[in-house]
Amino acid sequence: MQKKLKLVQAHDVERILRCQKNDQISDVFFARILIENQSEQVFLKLYPQKSGSRGLLNEALGYLYGTVANVPQPKFAGIAIVPVELLKPYSKSLSSSLQSVIDNETHLPAFFTKSITGTQYLYDYLNPWLRQQILRWKAFQKSVVFDEIIANTDRYSRNLIHDGNNQFYLIDNGFLATEDNTNPNWKASLLDPKKSFENQLANVNYNDVVADRRKGSEFILEAETYFLSFHHLLPEMEYWITNFANEDKDDWQKFLELLQYRTDNIHKLLCQRYDLVI
C-alpha cells in the first residue's frame, strides 16, 4: 500500500517557528519538518491522544477523502510525532487543554499540512463580498459535496484559505459528524449516517438552490464522481486507525460505516438537504 499521508518521526521535526491561535480551542503552529530529506514549512496542529479523542483521525481521514475528491487542499499532509521540548517556549500562549498535558508527555502527535500562502479569514461571519468570491470559485460544488460526505460541520470562512486569485483551499477537517463546534469528539452512539449535518459551504447558496431547483443538478453531477472513494481509501484509513485510535477502534469502525453510507448515498443526501426529487 502506497500511503497518501506521511508519517514524520520526532527526529525529523526540526523546529517550531511560531504559534498562532485561530480560535479559543486551537493551537496552530508554524514549523519546519524534514520530508524525504527536504526541509518543508508546515502548519501543525497538536492532538493529545486521550480516550474519546477524535480530532487527529478526523483530520487524517478528511484529508484522505480530499485527495480522491480532488478538492483544493494543501499539497501534502501527515502525522508528526512532536517532541514536547520544542513546545515549551510557547507554553503561556497555549490553550488550557494543551498546557495540562505538555508537562506529563515527552512527545505528542500532530496533524500537519504544507503551508499555503494566502488570506485566512478569522471570523465565522460571511460578508457579501466573500460570499460572491466563494460562489465564483470553480471548486465550490465539489467542495460542498466533499463536506457533505465527510460530515464536516466546521467549514466556516476561517477554514478556507483564499489565494486572491479566485481560488480557495480547504483546511481543517477536525470537526466531523458533530454539531458542537467547541468539541470535535463525536460519540459513536450518536453517529447517524443519514443525518443532514450542518454544512457551512452548502449554506452559502442554499436559498438560491431552493429557489431554483435546476441549480441542484450541479451538485448531483459532482456527486456522481464519488462512488469509488470509500473502497479506494479503506486500506490506508484502516492503517491510521490501527496506529492512532488507541482503545477506540470499535468506535472508528462505526465511523467508517458512516463514511461508506454517505459515499454510497450522496445523491440521496443532497436531495434531502435541498429538498430535491430523488
Protein backbone atom coordinates (compact mmCIF):
# COMPACT_ATOMS: atom_id res chain seq x y z
CA MET A 1 0.00 0.00 0.00
CA GLN A 2 1.41 3.36 -1.05
CA LYS A 3 0.17 5.79 1.58
CA LYS A 4 -1.02 9.29 0.68
CA LEU A 5 -0.38 10.67 4.19
CA LYS A 6 3.15 10.97 5.53
CA LEU A 7 4.41 9.89 8.94
CA VAL A 8 7.17 12.10 10.38
CA GLN A 9 9.13 10.87 13.38
CA ALA A 10 10.33 13.10 16.20
CA HIS A 11 13.91 13.43 14.93
CA ASP A 12 12.59 14.93 11.66
CA VAL A 13 10.69 17.75 13.38
CA GLU A 14 13.30 20.48 13.03
CA ARG A 15 11.83 23.43 14.93
CA ILE A 16 8.70 25.35 15.83
CA LEU A 17 8.67 28.80 14.24
CA ARG A 18 5.67 30.36 15.97
CA CYS A 19 2.26 29.67 17.49
CA GLN A 20 -0.98 31.16 16.15
CA LYS A 21 -4.41 30.89 17.74
CA ASN A 22 -7.27 30.80 15.23
CA ASP A 23 -9.91 30.47 17.93
CA GLN A 24 -10.26 29.70 21.62
CA ILE A 25 -9.56 25.97 21.35
CA SER A 26 -6.98 25.64 18.57
CA ASP A 27 -3.20 25.80 18.85
CA VAL A 28 -1.78 26.05 15.33
CA PHE A 29 1.99 26.10 14.90
CA PHE A 30 4.20 27.06 12.00
CA ALA A 31 7.03 24.55 11.93
CA ARG A 32 9.74 23.10 9.77
CA ILE A 33 9.98 19.35 9.26
CA LEU A 34 12.08 17.06 7.12
CA ILE A 35 10.20 15.13 4.43
CA GLU A 36 12.24 12.95 2.12
CA ASN A 37 15.34 14.88 3.18
CA GLN A 38 13.77 18.21 2.23
CA SER A 39 13.03 20.88 4.84
CA GLU A 40 9.38 21.95 4.49
CA GLN A 41 7.38 24.65 6.24
CA VAL A 42 4.07 23.34 7.54
CA PHE A 43 1.01 24.18 9.59
CA LEU A 44 0.97 21.83 12.55
CA LYS A 45 -1.90 21.13 14.94
CA LEU A 46 -1.40 19.07 18.09
CA TYR A 47 -3.89 16.45 19.20
CA PRO A 48 -3.10 14.83 22.59
CA GLN A 49 -4.34 11.27 22.48
CA LYS A 50 -6.87 10.59 25.22
CA SER A 51 -9.81 8.22 25.32
CA GLY A 52 -12.51 9.52 23.02
CA SER A 53 -10.24 11.96 21.19
CA ARG A 54 -11.25 12.23 17.54
CA GLY A 55 -9.54 15.30 16.10
CA LEU A 56 -6.33 13.70 14.82
CA LEU A 57 -8.01 10.93 12.85
CA ASN A 58 -10.82 13.22 11.73
CA GLU A 59 -8.11 15.34 10.12
CA ALA A 60 -6.37 12.34 8.57
CA LEU A 61 -9.47 10.69 7.13
CA GLY A 62 -10.86 14.01 5.92
CA TYR A 63 -7.64 14.84 4.07
CA LEU A 64 -7.57 11.37 2.51
CA TYR A 65 -11.08 11.85 1.19
CA GLY A 66 -10.00 15.20 -0.20
CA THR A 67 -7.30 13.51 -2.28
CA VAL A 68 -9.79 11.35 -4.17
CA ALA A 69 -12.43 14.10 -4.23
CA ASN A 70 -9.83 16.29 -5.96
CA VAL A 71 -10.75 19.32 -3.88
CA PRO A 72 -8.14 22.05 -3.49
CA GLN A 73 -6.26 21.42 -0.26
CA PRO A 74 -2.62 21.63 0.89
CA LYS A 75 -0.14 19.82 -1.34
CA PHE A 76 0.74 17.21 1.27
CA ALA A 77 -0.21 16.26 4.82
CA GLY A 78 0.52 13.71 7.50
CA ILE A 79 1.02 12.94 11.16
CA ALA A 80 4.15 14.07 13.01
CA ILE A 81 5.41 12.95 16.42
CA VAL A 82 6.44 16.25 18.03
CA PRO A 83 8.95 16.48 20.92
CA VAL A 84 7.28 18.39 23.74
CA GLU A 85 10.56 20.16 24.45
CA LEU A 86 10.03 22.19 21.26
CA LEU A 87 6.67 23.44 22.57
CA LYS A 88 7.72 24.69 25.98
CA PRO A 89 8.84 28.18 24.82
CA TYR A 90 5.20 28.73 23.76
CA SER A 91 3.56 27.26 26.85
CA LYS A 92 1.99 30.54 28.07
CA SER A 93 0.11 31.04 24.81
CA LEU A 94 -1.28 27.51 24.59
CA SER A 95 -4.87 26.51 25.28
CA SER A 96 -5.51 25.18 28.78
CA SER A 97 -6.14 21.67 27.49
CA LEU A 98 -2.72 21.55 25.86
CA GLN A 99 -0.95 23.18 28.79
CA SER A 100 -2.27 20.41 31.02
CA VAL A 101 -0.51 17.68 29.07
CA ILE A 102 2.86 19.06 27.98
CA ASP A 103 4.38 18.68 31.45
CA ASN A 104 3.47 15.00 31.52
CA GLU A 105 4.40 13.89 27.99
CA THR A 106 7.63 13.66 26.04
CA HIS A 107 6.01 13.54 22.59
CA LEU A 108 2.63 14.48 21.13
CA PRO A 109 1.08 13.57 17.78
CA ALA A 110 0.13 16.37 15.41
CA PHE A 111 -1.58 16.65 12.08
CA PHE A 112 0.36 18.77 9.62
CA THR A 113 -0.17 20.17 6.15
CA LYS A 114 2.05 22.01 3.71
CA SER A 115 1.76 25.73 4.45
CA ILE A 116 -0.21 27.80 1.95
CA THR A 117 0.29 31.47 1.16
CA GLY A 118 -2.99 33.35 1.21
CA THR A 119 -5.63 35.05 3.34
CA GLN A 120 -7.27 33.17 6.18
CA TYR A 121 -10.44 34.87 7.37
CA LEU A 122 -10.62 34.54 11.14
CA TYR A 123 -14.36 35.02 11.50
CA ASP A 124 -17.44 32.84 11.02
CA TYR A 125 -19.44 35.69 9.50
CA LEU A 126 -19.75 35.51 5.71
CA ASN A 127 -19.96 39.05 4.31
CA PRO A 128 -21.48 39.68 0.84
CA TRP A 129 -18.10 40.18 -0.83
CA LEU A 130 -16.69 36.90 0.48
CA ARG A 131 -19.89 35.06 -0.42
CA GLN A 132 -19.54 36.18 -4.04
CA GLN A 133 -15.89 35.12 -4.10
CA ILE A 134 -16.85 31.64 -2.91
CA LEU A 135 -19.67 31.33 -5.45
CA ARG A 136 -17.23 32.20 -8.28
CA TRP A 137 -14.79 29.55 -7.07
CA LYS A 138 -14.57 26.71 -9.62
CA ALA A 139 -14.36 24.03 -6.92
CA PHE A 140 -17.37 25.28 -4.96
CA GLN A 141 -19.79 22.49 -5.93
CA LYS A 142 -17.33 19.66 -5.43
CA SER A 143 -16.29 21.12 -2.06
CA VAL A 144 -19.93 21.22 -0.91
CA VAL A 145 -20.28 17.55 -1.89
CA PHE A 146 -17.00 16.69 -0.16
CA ASP A 147 -18.10 18.28 3.12
CA GLU A 148 -21.49 16.55 2.83
CA ILE A 149 -19.84 13.14 2.56
CA ILE A 150 -17.38 13.56 5.42
CA ALA A 151 -19.95 15.46 7.54
CA ASN A 152 -17.64 18.44 8.10
CA THR A 153 -19.63 20.88 10.24
CA ASP A 154 -16.90 23.49 10.64
CA ARG A 155 -16.09 24.85 7.17
CA TYR A 156 -16.54 28.44 8.21
CA SER A 157 -14.53 31.10 6.41
CA ARG A 158 -11.71 30.64 8.93
CA ASN A 159 -11.18 27.17 7.45
CA LEU A 160 -10.70 28.43 3.92
CA ILE A 161 -7.50 30.00 2.65
CA HIS A 162 -8.05 32.48 -0.19
CA ASP A 163 -5.12 32.91 -2.56
CA GLY A 164 -6.55 36.13 -4.02
CA ASN A 165 -6.89 34.58 -7.48
CA ASN A 166 -10.44 33.23 -7.26
CA GLN A 167 -9.15 30.10 -5.53
CA PHE A 168 -9.76 28.77 -2.04
CA TYR A 169 -8.03 25.89 -0.27
CA LEU A 170 -9.80 23.73 2.28
CA ILE A 171 -8.07 23.32 5.63
CA ASP A 172 -9.05 21.74 8.94
CA ASN A 173 -11.20 18.61 8.92
CA GLY A 174 -11.05 18.27 12.70
CA PHE A 175 -14.81 18.54 13.30
CA LEU A 176 -16.68 15.70 11.63
CA ALA A 177 -20.13 14.31 12.44
CA THR A 178 -20.71 16.68 15.34
CA GLU A 179 -22.82 19.81 15.72
CA ASP A 180 -20.88 21.00 18.76
CA ASN A 181 -18.21 23.23 17.27
CA THR A 182 -16.38 23.54 20.56
CA ASN A 183 -15.68 19.80 20.63
CA PRO A 184 -14.52 17.57 17.74
CA ASN A 185 -15.14 14.35 19.67
CA TRP A 186 -18.20 12.70 18.15
CA LYS A 187 -19.79 9.88 20.13
CA ALA A 188 -20.22 6.53 18.42
CA SER A 189 -23.67 6.07 19.94
CA LEU A 190 -24.87 9.27 18.24
CA LEU A 191 -23.45 8.65 14.76
CA ASP A 192 -26.28 8.86 12.23
CA PRO A 193 -25.12 8.34 8.62
CA LYS A 194 -28.46 9.62 7.24
CA LYS A 195 -28.35 12.91 9.10
CA SER A 196 -28.16 16.28 7.34
CA PHE A 197 -25.26 17.63 9.38
CA GLU A 198 -24.67 21.36 9.27
CA ASN A 199 -22.79 22.09 6.03
CA GLN A 200 -21.38 25.62 6.08
CA LEU A 201 -20.46 25.68 2.38
CA ALA A 202 -23.91 24.42 1.39
CA ASN A 203 -25.39 27.31 3.35
CA VAL A 204 -23.59 29.81 1.09
CA ASN A 205 -26.16 29.37 -1.69
CA TYR A 206 -28.82 27.24 -0.02
CA ASN A 207 -31.58 29.78 -0.68
CA ASP A 208 -30.54 30.07 -4.34
CA VAL A 209 -30.82 26.31 -4.86
CA VAL A 210 -34.16 26.10 -3.09
CA ALA A 211 -35.47 28.95 -5.25
CA ASP A 212 -34.17 27.38 -8.48
CA ARG A 213 -34.09 23.57 -8.32
CA ARG A 214 -32.07 23.38 -11.54
CA LYS A 215 -29.05 24.64 -9.62
CA GLY A 216 -29.22 21.49 -7.52
CA SER A 217 -28.21 19.46 -10.59
CA GLU A 218 -24.72 20.96 -10.36
CA PHE A 219 -24.22 19.23 -7.01
CA ILE A 220 -25.74 15.96 -8.23
CA LEU A 221 -23.38 15.88 -11.22
CA GLU A 222 -20.40 16.43 -8.93
CA ALA A 223 -21.61 13.70 -6.58
CA GLU A 224 -21.56 11.08 -9.34
CA THR A 225 -17.74 11.04 -9.29
CA TYR A 226 -17.50 9.93 -5.65
CA PHE A 227 -18.80 6.38 -5.74
CA LEU A 228 -15.36 4.69 -5.65
CA SER A 229 -13.90 6.83 -2.88
CA PHE A 230 -14.55 4.66 0.14
CA HIS A 231 -13.11 1.34 -1.04
CA HIS A 232 -10.17 3.05 -2.70
CA LEU A 233 -9.21 4.65 0.62
CA LEU A 234 -10.15 1.88 3.04
CA PRO A 235 -6.71 0.21 3.40
CA GLU A 236 -4.99 3.47 4.34
CA MET A 237 -7.82 4.63 6.61
CA GLU A 238 -7.57 1.34 8.48
CA TYR A 239 -3.78 1.75 8.74
CA TRP A 240 -4.05 5.12 10.52
CA ILE A 241 -6.88 3.92 12.75
CA THR A 242 -4.85 0.86 13.78
CA ASN A 243 -1.86 3.02 14.71
CA PHE A 244 -3.55 6.05 16.32
CA ALA A 245 -7.00 5.07 17.60
CA ASN A 246 -5.84 3.67 20.95
CA GLU A 247 -8.67 1.67 22.52
CA ASP A 248 -11.43 3.25 20.38
CA LYS A 249 -11.13 1.04 17.29
CA ASP A 250 -14.73 -0.22 17.51
CA ASP A 251 -15.94 3.39 17.51
CA TRP A 252 -13.88 4.10 14.40
CA GLN A 253 -15.38 1.09 12.65
CA LYS A 254 -18.77 2.73 13.14
CA PHE A 255 -17.36 5.95 11.74
CA LEU A 256 -16.08 4.09 8.67
CA GLU A 257 -19.57 2.68 8.21
CA LEU A 258 -20.91 6.24 8.32
CA LEU A 259 -18.44 7.31 5.63
CA GLN A 260 -19.31 4.34 3.45
CA TYR A 261 -23.03 5.03 3.70
CA ARG A 262 -22.57 8.72 2.92
CA THR A 263 -20.30 7.95 -0.03
CA ASP A 264 -22.71 5.41 -1.48
CA ASN A 265 -25.80 7.54 -0.84
CA ILE A 266 -24.52 11.06 -1.53
CA HIS A 267 -27.18 11.60 -4.22
CA LYS A 268 -29.90 10.88 -1.64
CA LEU A 269 -28.23 13.07 1.00
CA LEU A 270 -28.02 16.04 -1.37
CA CYS A 271 -31.64 15.63 -2.42
CA GLN A 272 -32.58 15.52 1.24
CA ARG A 273 -30.59 18.67 2.01
CA TYR A 274 -32.04 20.73 -0.82
CA ASP A 275 -35.49 19.08 -0.92
CA LEU A 276 -34.89 17.84 -4.45
CA VAL A 277 -36.76 14.99 -6.16
CA ILE A 278 -34.80 11.75 -5.85
